[in-house]
mmCIF file of all heavy atoms, coordinates in Angstrom:
data_MODEL
# 
_entry.id   MODEL 
# 
loop_
_atom_site.group_PDB 
_atom_site.id 
_atom_site.type_symbol 
_atom_site.label_atom_id 
_atom_site.label_alt_id 
_atom_site.label_comp_id 
_atom_site.label_asym_id 
_atom_site.label_entity_id 
_atom_site.label_seq_id 
_atom_site.pdbx_PDB_ins_code 
_atom_site.Cartn_x 
_atom_site.Cartn_y 
_atom_site.Cartn_z 
_atom_site.occupancy 
_atom_site.B_iso_or_equiv 
_atom_site.pdbx_formal_charge 
_atom_site.auth_seq_id 
_atom_site.auth_comp_id 
_atom_site.auth_asym_id 
_atom_site.auth_atom_id 
_atom_site.pdbx_PDB_model_num 
ATOM 1   N N   . GLU A 1 1  ? -50.647 20.776 39.539 1.00 0.00 ? 1  GLU A N   1 
ATOM 2   C CA  . GLU A 1 1  ? -51.262 20.773 38.210 1.00 0.00 ? 1  GLU A CA  1 
ATOM 3   C C   . GLU A 1 1  ? -52.071 19.508 37.968 1.00 0.00 ? 1  GLU A C   1 
ATOM 4   O O   . GLU A 1 1  ? -53.178 19.559 37.424 1.00 0.00 ? 1  GLU A O   1 
ATOM 5   C CB  . GLU A 1 1  ? -50.199 20.929 37.126 1.00 0.00 ? 1  GLU A CB  1 
ATOM 6   C CG  . GLU A 1 1  ? -49.616 22.313 37.042 1.00 0.00 ? 1  GLU A CG  1 
ATOM 7   C CD  . GLU A 1 1  ? -48.500 22.438 36.025 1.00 0.00 ? 1  GLU A CD  1 
ATOM 8   O OE1 . GLU A 1 1  ? -47.924 21.399 35.610 1.00 0.00 ? 1  GLU A OE1 1 
ATOM 9   O OE2 . GLU A 1 1  ? -48.200 23.575 35.636 1.00 0.00 ? 1  GLU A OE2 1 
ATOM 10  N N   . LEU A 1 2  ? -51.544 18.370 38.378 1.00 0.00 ? 2  LEU A N   1 
ATOM 11  C CA  . LEU A 1 2  ? -52.268 17.110 38.205 1.00 0.00 ? 2  LEU A CA  1 
ATOM 12  C C   . LEU A 1 2  ? -53.533 17.074 39.061 1.00 0.00 ? 2  LEU A C   1 
ATOM 13  O O   . LEU A 1 2  ? -54.601 16.657 38.601 1.00 0.00 ? 2  LEU A O   1 
ATOM 14  C CB  . LEU A 1 2  ? -51.364 15.920 38.531 1.00 0.00 ? 2  LEU A CB  1 
ATOM 15  C CG  . LEU A 1 2  ? -51.974 14.545 38.285 1.00 0.00 ? 2  LEU A CG  1 
ATOM 16  C CD1 . LEU A 1 2  ? -52.345 14.369 36.810 1.00 0.00 ? 2  LEU A CD1 1 
ATOM 17  C CD2 . LEU A 1 2  ? -50.996 13.457 38.710 1.00 0.00 ? 2  LEU A CD2 1 
ATOM 18  N N   . ALA A 1 3  ? -53.432 17.539 40.292 1.00 0.00 ? 3  ALA A N   1 
ATOM 19  C CA  . ALA A 1 3  ? -54.609 17.592 41.161 1.00 0.00 ? 3  ALA A CA  1 
ATOM 20  C C   . ALA A 1 3  ? -55.659 18.545 40.584 1.00 0.00 ? 3  ALA A C   1 
ATOM 21  O O   . ALA A 1 3  ? -56.861 18.243 40.587 1.00 0.00 ? 3  ALA A O   1 
ATOM 22  C CB  . ALA A 1 3  ? -54.217 18.034 42.570 1.00 0.00 ? 3  ALA A CB  1 
ATOM 23  N N   . GLY A 1 4  ? -55.225 19.672 40.062 1.00 0.00 ? 4  GLY A N   1 
ATOM 24  C CA  . GLY A 1 4  ? -56.153 20.607 39.435 1.00 0.00 ? 4  GLY A CA  1 
ATOM 25  C C   . GLY A 1 4  ? -56.804 20.026 38.194 1.00 0.00 ? 4  GLY A C   1 
ATOM 26  O O   . GLY A 1 4  ? -57.986 20.238 37.941 1.00 0.00 ? 4  GLY A O   1 
ATOM 27  N N   . ALA A 1 5  ? -56.040 19.262 37.418 1.00 0.00 ? 5  ALA A N   1 
ATOM 28  C CA  . ALA A 1 5  ? -56.586 18.623 36.213 1.00 0.00 ? 5  ALA A CA  1 
ATOM 29  C C   . ALA A 1 5  ? -57.673 17.625 36.581 1.00 0.00 ? 5  ALA A C   1 
ATOM 30  O O   . ALA A 1 5  ? -58.736 17.585 35.952 1.00 0.00 ? 5  ALA A O   1 
ATOM 31  C CB  . ALA A 1 5  ? -55.468 17.932 35.436 1.00 0.00 ? 5  ALA A CB  1 
ATOM 32  N N   . VAL A 1 6  ? -57.429 16.831 37.606 1.00 0.00 ? 6  VAL A N   1 
ATOM 33  C CA  . VAL A 1 6  ? -58.429 15.854 38.047 1.00 0.00 ? 6  VAL A CA  1 
ATOM 34  C C   . VAL A 1 6  ? -59.657 16.579 38.586 1.00 0.00 ? 6  VAL A C   1 
ATOM 35  O O   . VAL A 1 6  ? -60.802 16.235 38.263 1.00 0.00 ? 6  VAL A O   1 
ATOM 36  C CB  . VAL A 1 6  ? -57.840 14.892 39.099 1.00 0.00 ? 6  VAL A CB  1 
ATOM 37  C CG1 . VAL A 1 6  ? -58.913 14.034 39.731 1.00 0.00 ? 6  VAL A CG1 1 
ATOM 38  C CG2 . VAL A 1 6  ? -56.747 14.033 38.471 1.00 0.00 ? 6  VAL A CG2 1 
ATOM 39  N N   . ALA A 1 7  ? -59.452 17.614 39.390 1.00 0.00 ? 7  ALA A N   1 
ATOM 40  C CA  . ALA A 1 7  ? -60.566 18.344 39.990 1.00 0.00 ? 7  ALA A CA  1 
ATOM 41  C C   . ALA A 1 7  ? -61.391 19.098 38.950 1.00 0.00 ? 7  ALA A C   1 
ATOM 42  O O   . ALA A 1 7  ? -62.582 19.333 39.158 1.00 0.00 ? 7  ALA A O   1 
ATOM 43  C CB  . ALA A 1 7  ? -60.052 19.305 41.057 1.00 0.00 ? 7  ALA A CB  1 
ATOM 44  N N   . LEU A 1 8  ? -60.793 19.469 37.825 1.00 0.00 ? 8  LEU A N   1 
ATOM 45  C CA  . LEU A 1 8  ? -61.543 20.146 36.765 1.00 0.00 ? 8  LEU A CA  1 
ATOM 46  C C   . LEU A 1 8  ? -62.667 19.285 36.208 1.00 0.00 ? 8  LEU A C   1 
ATOM 47  O O   . LEU A 1 8  ? -63.665 19.805 35.708 1.00 0.00 ? 8  LEU A O   1 
ATOM 48  C CB  . LEU A 1 8  ? -60.618 20.557 35.614 1.00 0.00 ? 8  LEU A CB  1 
ATOM 49  C CG  . LEU A 1 8  ? -59.943 21.904 35.705 1.00 0.00 ? 8  LEU A CG  1 
ATOM 50  C CD1 . LEU A 1 8  ? -58.975 22.101 34.551 1.00 0.00 ? 8  LEU A CD1 1 
ATOM 51  C CD2 . LEU A 1 8  ? -60.951 23.038 35.744 1.00 0.00 ? 8  LEU A CD2 1 
ATOM 52  N N   . VAL A 1 9  ? -62.509 17.975 36.267 1.00 0.00 ? 9  VAL A N   1 
ATOM 53  C CA  . VAL A 1 9  ? -63.547 17.093 35.718 1.00 0.00 ? 9  VAL A CA  1 
ATOM 54  C C   . VAL A 1 9  ? -64.434 16.472 36.803 1.00 0.00 ? 9  VAL A C   1 
ATOM 55  O O   . VAL A 1 9  ? -65.268 15.638 36.498 1.00 0.00 ? 9  VAL A O   1 
ATOM 56  C CB  . VAL A 1 9  ? -62.943 15.997 34.806 1.00 0.00 ? 9  VAL A CB  1 
ATOM 57  C CG1 . VAL A 1 9  ? -62.323 16.616 33.568 1.00 0.00 ? 9  VAL A CG1 1 
ATOM 58  C CG2 . VAL A 1 9  ? -61.930 15.154 35.539 1.00 0.00 ? 9  VAL A CG2 1 
ATOM 59  N N   . VAL A 1 10 ? -64.260 16.887 38.035 1.00 0.00 ? 10 VAL A N   1 
ATOM 60  C CA  . VAL A 1 10 ? -65.161 16.484 39.116 1.00 0.00 ? 10 VAL A CA  1 
ATOM 61  C C   . VAL A 1 10 ? -66.185 17.616 39.269 1.00 0.00 ? 10 VAL A C   1 
ATOM 62  O O   . VAL A 1 10 ? -65.803 18.744 39.599 1.00 0.00 ? 10 VAL A O   1 
ATOM 63  C CB  . VAL A 1 10 ? -64.399 16.266 40.448 1.00 0.00 ? 10 VAL A CB  1 
ATOM 64  C CG1 . VAL A 1 10 ? -65.355 15.977 41.582 1.00 0.00 ? 10 VAL A CG1 1 
ATOM 65  C CG2 . VAL A 1 10 ? -63.367 15.169 40.286 1.00 0.00 ? 10 VAL A CG2 1 
ATOM 66  N N   . PRO A 1 11 ? -67.458 17.340 38.987 1.00 0.00 ? 11 PRO A N   1 
ATOM 67  C CA  . PRO A 1 11 ? -68.449 18.417 38.955 1.00 0.00 ? 11 PRO A CA  1 
ATOM 68  C C   . PRO A 1 11 ? -68.455 19.342 40.171 1.00 0.00 ? 11 PRO A C   1 
ATOM 69  O O   . PRO A 1 11 ? -68.485 20.561 40.014 1.00 0.00 ? 11 PRO A O   1 
ATOM 70  C CB  . PRO A 1 11 ? -69.783 17.670 38.820 1.00 0.00 ? 11 PRO A CB  1 
ATOM 71  C CG  . PRO A 1 11 ? -69.424 16.421 38.101 1.00 0.00 ? 11 PRO A CG  1 
ATOM 72  C CD  . PRO A 1 11 ? -68.056 16.048 38.636 1.00 0.00 ? 11 PRO A CD  1 
ATOM 73  N N   . ALA A 1 12 ? -68.408 18.814 41.356 1.00 0.00 ? 12 ALA A N   1 
ATOM 74  C CA  . ALA A 1 12 ? -68.478 19.655 42.554 1.00 0.00 ? 12 ALA A CA  1 
ATOM 75  C C   . ALA A 1 12 ? -67.224 20.511 42.749 1.00 0.00 ? 12 ALA A C   1 
ATOM 76  O O   . ALA A 1 12 ? -67.276 21.551 43.392 1.00 0.00 ? 12 ALA A O   1 
ATOM 77  C CB  . ALA A 1 12 ? -68.701 18.793 43.788 1.00 0.00 ? 12 ALA A CB  1 
ATOM 78  N N   . LEU A 1 13 ? -66.095 20.092 42.194 1.00 0.00 ? 13 LEU A N   1 
ATOM 79  C CA  . LEU A 1 13 ? -64.826 20.791 42.406 1.00 0.00 ? 13 LEU A CA  1 
ATOM 80  C C   . LEU A 1 13 ? -64.378 21.632 41.218 1.00 0.00 ? 13 LEU A C   1 
ATOM 81  O O   . LEU A 1 13 ? -63.359 22.316 41.299 1.00 0.00 ? 13 LEU A O   1 
ATOM 82  C CB  . LEU A 1 13 ? -63.730 19.769 42.716 1.00 0.00 ? 13 LEU A CB  1 
ATOM 83  C CG  . LEU A 1 13 ? -63.935 18.895 43.946 1.00 0.00 ? 13 LEU A CG  1 
ATOM 84  C CD1 . LEU A 1 13 ? -62.823 17.867 44.057 1.00 0.00 ? 13 LEU A CD1 1 
ATOM 85  C CD2 . LEU A 1 13 ? -64.012 19.750 45.188 1.00 0.00 ? 13 LEU A CD2 1 
ATOM 86  N N   . SER A 1 14 ? -65.098 21.599 40.115 1.00 0.00 ? 14 SER A N   1 
ATOM 87  C CA  . SER A 1 14 ? -64.625 22.229 38.883 1.00 0.00 ? 14 SER A CA  1 
ATOM 88  C C   . SER A 1 14 ? -64.398 23.736 39.010 1.00 0.00 ? 14 SER A C   1 
ATOM 89  O O   . SER A 1 14 ? -63.396 24.253 38.528 1.00 0.00 ? 14 SER A O   1 
ATOM 90  C CB  . SER A 1 14 ? -65.577 21.932 37.727 1.00 0.00 ? 14 SER A CB  1 
ATOM 91  O OG  . SER A 1 14 ? -66.886 22.372 38.029 1.00 0.00 ? 14 SER A OG  1 
ATOM 92  N N   . GLY A 1 15 ? -65.285 24.443 39.670 1.00 0.00 ? 15 GLY A N   1 
ATOM 93  C CA  . GLY A 1 15 ? -65.114 25.887 39.825 1.00 0.00 ? 15 GLY A CA  1 
ATOM 94  C C   . GLY A 1 15 ? -63.940 26.242 40.714 1.00 0.00 ? 15 GLY A C   1 
ATOM 95  O O   . GLY A 1 15 ? -63.140 27.130 40.398 1.00 0.00 ? 15 GLY A O   1 
ATOM 96  N N   . VAL A 1 16 ? -63.802 25.531 41.818 1.00 0.00 ? 16 VAL A N   1 
ATOM 97  C CA  . VAL A 1 16 ? -62.686 25.770 42.737 1.00 0.00 ? 16 VAL A CA  1 
ATOM 98  C C   . VAL A 1 16 ? -61.363 25.406 42.068 1.00 0.00 ? 16 VAL A C   1 
ATOM 99  O O   . VAL A 1 16 ? -60.360 26.107 42.225 1.00 0.00 ? 16 VAL A O   1 
ATOM 100 C CB  . VAL A 1 16 ? -62.885 24.978 44.044 1.00 0.00 ? 16 VAL A CB  1 
ATOM 101 C CG1 . VAL A 1 16 ? -61.682 25.071 44.939 1.00 0.00 ? 16 VAL A CG1 1 
ATOM 102 C CG2 . VAL A 1 16 ? -64.114 25.469 44.762 1.00 0.00 ? 16 VAL A CG2 1 
ATOM 103 N N   . ALA A 1 17 ? -61.357 24.322 41.294 1.00 0.00 ? 17 ALA A N   1 
ATOM 104 C CA  . ALA A 1 17 ? -60.142 23.910 40.586 1.00 0.00 ? 17 ALA A CA  1 
ATOM 105 C C   . ALA A 1 17 ? -59.719 24.973 39.582 1.00 0.00 ? 17 ALA A C   1 
ATOM 106 O O   . ALA A 1 17 ? -58.528 25.272 39.452 1.00 0.00 ? 17 ALA A O   1 
ATOM 107 C CB  . ALA A 1 17 ? -60.362 22.579 39.877 1.00 0.00 ? 17 ALA A CB  1 
ATOM 108 N N   . ALA A 1 18 ? -60.695 25.544 38.882 1.00 0.00 ? 18 ALA A N   1 
ATOM 109 C CA  . ALA A 1 18 ? -60.373 26.599 37.917 1.00 0.00 ? 18 ALA A CA  1 
ATOM 110 C C   . ALA A 1 18 ? -59.767 27.806 38.622 1.00 0.00 ? 18 ALA A C   1 
ATOM 111 O O   . ALA A 1 18 ? -58.791 28.401 38.135 1.00 0.00 ? 18 ALA A O   1 
ATOM 112 C CB  . ALA A 1 18 ? -61.620 26.991 37.132 1.00 0.00 ? 18 ALA A CB  1 
ATOM 113 N N   . LEU A 1 19 ? -60.311 28.163 39.779 1.00 0.00 ? 19 LEU A N   1 
ATOM 114 C CA  . LEU A 1 19 ? -59.746 29.286 40.542 1.00 0.00 ? 19 LEU A CA  1 
ATOM 115 C C   . LEU A 1 19 ? -58.331 28.977 41.028 1.00 0.00 ? 19 LEU A C   1 
ATOM 116 O O   . LEU A 1 19 ? -57.439 29.825 40.947 1.00 0.00 ? 19 LEU A O   1 
ATOM 117 C CB  . LEU A 1 19 ? -60.645 29.619 41.730 1.00 0.00 ? 19 LEU A CB  1 
ATOM 118 C CG  . LEU A 1 19 ? -61.992 30.254 41.398 1.00 0.00 ? 19 LEU A CG  1 
ATOM 119 C CD1 . LEU A 1 19 ? -62.849 30.357 42.646 1.00 0.00 ? 19 LEU A CD1 1 
ATOM 120 C CD2 . LEU A 1 19 ? -61.798 31.618 40.764 1.00 0.00 ? 19 LEU A CD2 1 
ATOM 121 N N   . ALA A 1 20 ? -58.124 27.774 41.542 1.00 0.00 ? 20 ALA A N   1 
ATOM 122 C CA  . ALA A 1 20 ? -56.804 27.396 42.050 1.00 0.00 ? 20 ALA A CA  1 
ATOM 123 C C   . ALA A 1 20 ? -55.772 27.367 40.922 1.00 0.00 ? 20 ALA A C   1 
ATOM 124 O O   . ALA A 1 20 ? -54.645 27.852 41.085 1.00 0.00 ? 20 ALA A O   1 
ATOM 125 C CB  . ALA A 1 20 ? -56.873 26.035 42.730 1.00 0.00 ? 20 ALA A CB  1 
ATOM 126 N N   . LEU A 1 21 ? -56.151 26.820 39.771 1.00 0.00 ? 21 LEU A N   1 
ATOM 127 C CA  . LEU A 1 21 ? -55.218 26.786 38.641 1.00 0.00 ? 21 LEU A CA  1 
ATOM 128 C C   . LEU A 1 21 ? -54.956 28.180 38.088 1.00 0.00 ? 21 LEU A C   1 
ATOM 129 O O   . LEU A 1 21 ? -53.870 28.447 37.569 1.00 0.00 ? 21 LEU A O   1 
ATOM 130 C CB  . LEU A 1 21 ? -55.741 25.849 37.550 1.00 0.00 ? 21 LEU A CB  1 
ATOM 131 C CG  . LEU A 1 21 ? -55.636 24.361 37.877 1.00 0.00 ? 21 LEU A CG  1 
ATOM 132 C CD1 . LEU A 1 21 ? -56.410 23.528 36.859 1.00 0.00 ? 21 LEU A CD1 1 
ATOM 133 C CD2 . LEU A 1 21 ? -54.183 23.916 37.929 1.00 0.00 ? 21 LEU A CD2 1 
ATOM 134 N N   . THR A 1 22 ? -55.924 29.077 38.213 1.00 0.00 ? 22 THR A N   1 
ATOM 135 C CA  . THR A 1 22 ? -55.692 30.473 37.817 1.00 0.00 ? 22 THR A CA  1 
ATOM 136 C C   . THR A 1 22 ? -54.610 31.086 38.696 1.00 0.00 ? 22 THR A C   1 
ATOM 137 O O   . THR A 1 22 ? -53.734 31.814 38.216 1.00 0.00 ? 22 THR A O   1 
ATOM 138 C CB  . THR A 1 22 ? -57.000 31.292 37.911 1.00 0.00 ? 22 THR A CB  1 
ATOM 139 O OG1 . THR A 1 22 ? -57.966 30.693 37.054 1.00 0.00 ? 22 THR A OG1 1 
ATOM 140 C CG2 . THR A 1 22 ? -56.777 32.730 37.483 1.00 0.00 ? 22 THR A CG2 1 
ATOM 141 N N   . GLY A 1 23 ? -54.657 30.785 39.985 1.00 0.00 ? 23 GLY A N   1 
ATOM 142 C CA  . GLY A 1 23 ? -53.596 31.252 40.893 1.00 0.00 ? 23 GLY A CA  1 
ATOM 143 C C   . GLY A 1 23 ? -52.249 30.672 40.526 1.00 0.00 ? 23 GLY A C   1 
ATOM 144 O O   . GLY A 1 23 ? -51.223 31.361 40.571 1.00 0.00 ? 23 GLY A O   1 
ATOM 145 N N   . LEU A 1 24 ? -52.223 29.415 40.135 1.00 0.00 ? 24 LEU A N   1 
ATOM 146 C CA  . LEU A 1 24 ? -50.978 28.777 39.693 1.00 0.00 ? 24 LEU A CA  1 
ATOM 147 C C   . LEU A 1 24 ? -50.445 29.457 38.429 1.00 0.00 ? 24 LEU A C   1 
ATOM 148 O O   . LEU A 1 24 ? -49.243 29.652 38.279 1.00 0.00 ? 24 LEU A O   1 
ATOM 149 C CB  . LEU A 1 24 ? -51.225 27.291 39.456 1.00 0.00 ? 24 LEU A CB  1 
ATOM 150 C CG  . LEU A 1 24 ? -50.015 26.369 39.481 1.00 0.00 ? 24 LEU A CG  1 
ATOM 151 C CD1 . LEU A 1 24 ? -49.309 26.422 40.821 1.00 0.00 ? 24 LEU A CD1 1 
ATOM 152 C CD2 . LEU A 1 24 ? -50.448 24.949 39.166 1.00 0.00 ? 24 LEU A CD2 1 
ATOM 153 N N   . MET A 1 25 ? -51.360 29.851 37.542 1.00 0.00 ? 25 MET A N   1 
ATOM 154 C CA  . MET A 1 25 ? -50.953 30.549 36.315 1.00 0.00 ? 25 MET A CA  1 
ATOM 155 C C   . MET A 1 25 ? -50.422 31.950 36.619 1.00 0.00 ? 25 MET A C   1 
ATOM 156 O O   . MET A 1 25 ? -49.526 32.446 35.936 1.00 0.00 ? 25 MET A O   1 
ATOM 157 C CB  . MET A 1 25 ? -52.110 30.630 35.318 1.00 0.00 ? 25 MET A CB  1 
ATOM 158 C CG  . MET A 1 25 ? -52.502 29.296 34.719 1.00 0.00 ? 25 MET A CG  1 
ATOM 159 S SD  . MET A 1 25 ? -51.166 28.536 33.767 1.00 0.00 ? 25 MET A SD  1 
ATOM 160 C CE  . MET A 1 25 ? -50.482 27.373 34.951 1.00 0.00 ? 25 MET A CE  1 
# 
């Protein structure tokens, strides 16, 4: 969750982070 939160605000990783956190949800 913390890694996903950080990646959500990194422009290049934001879309992938959203997908990964969706899987976590």
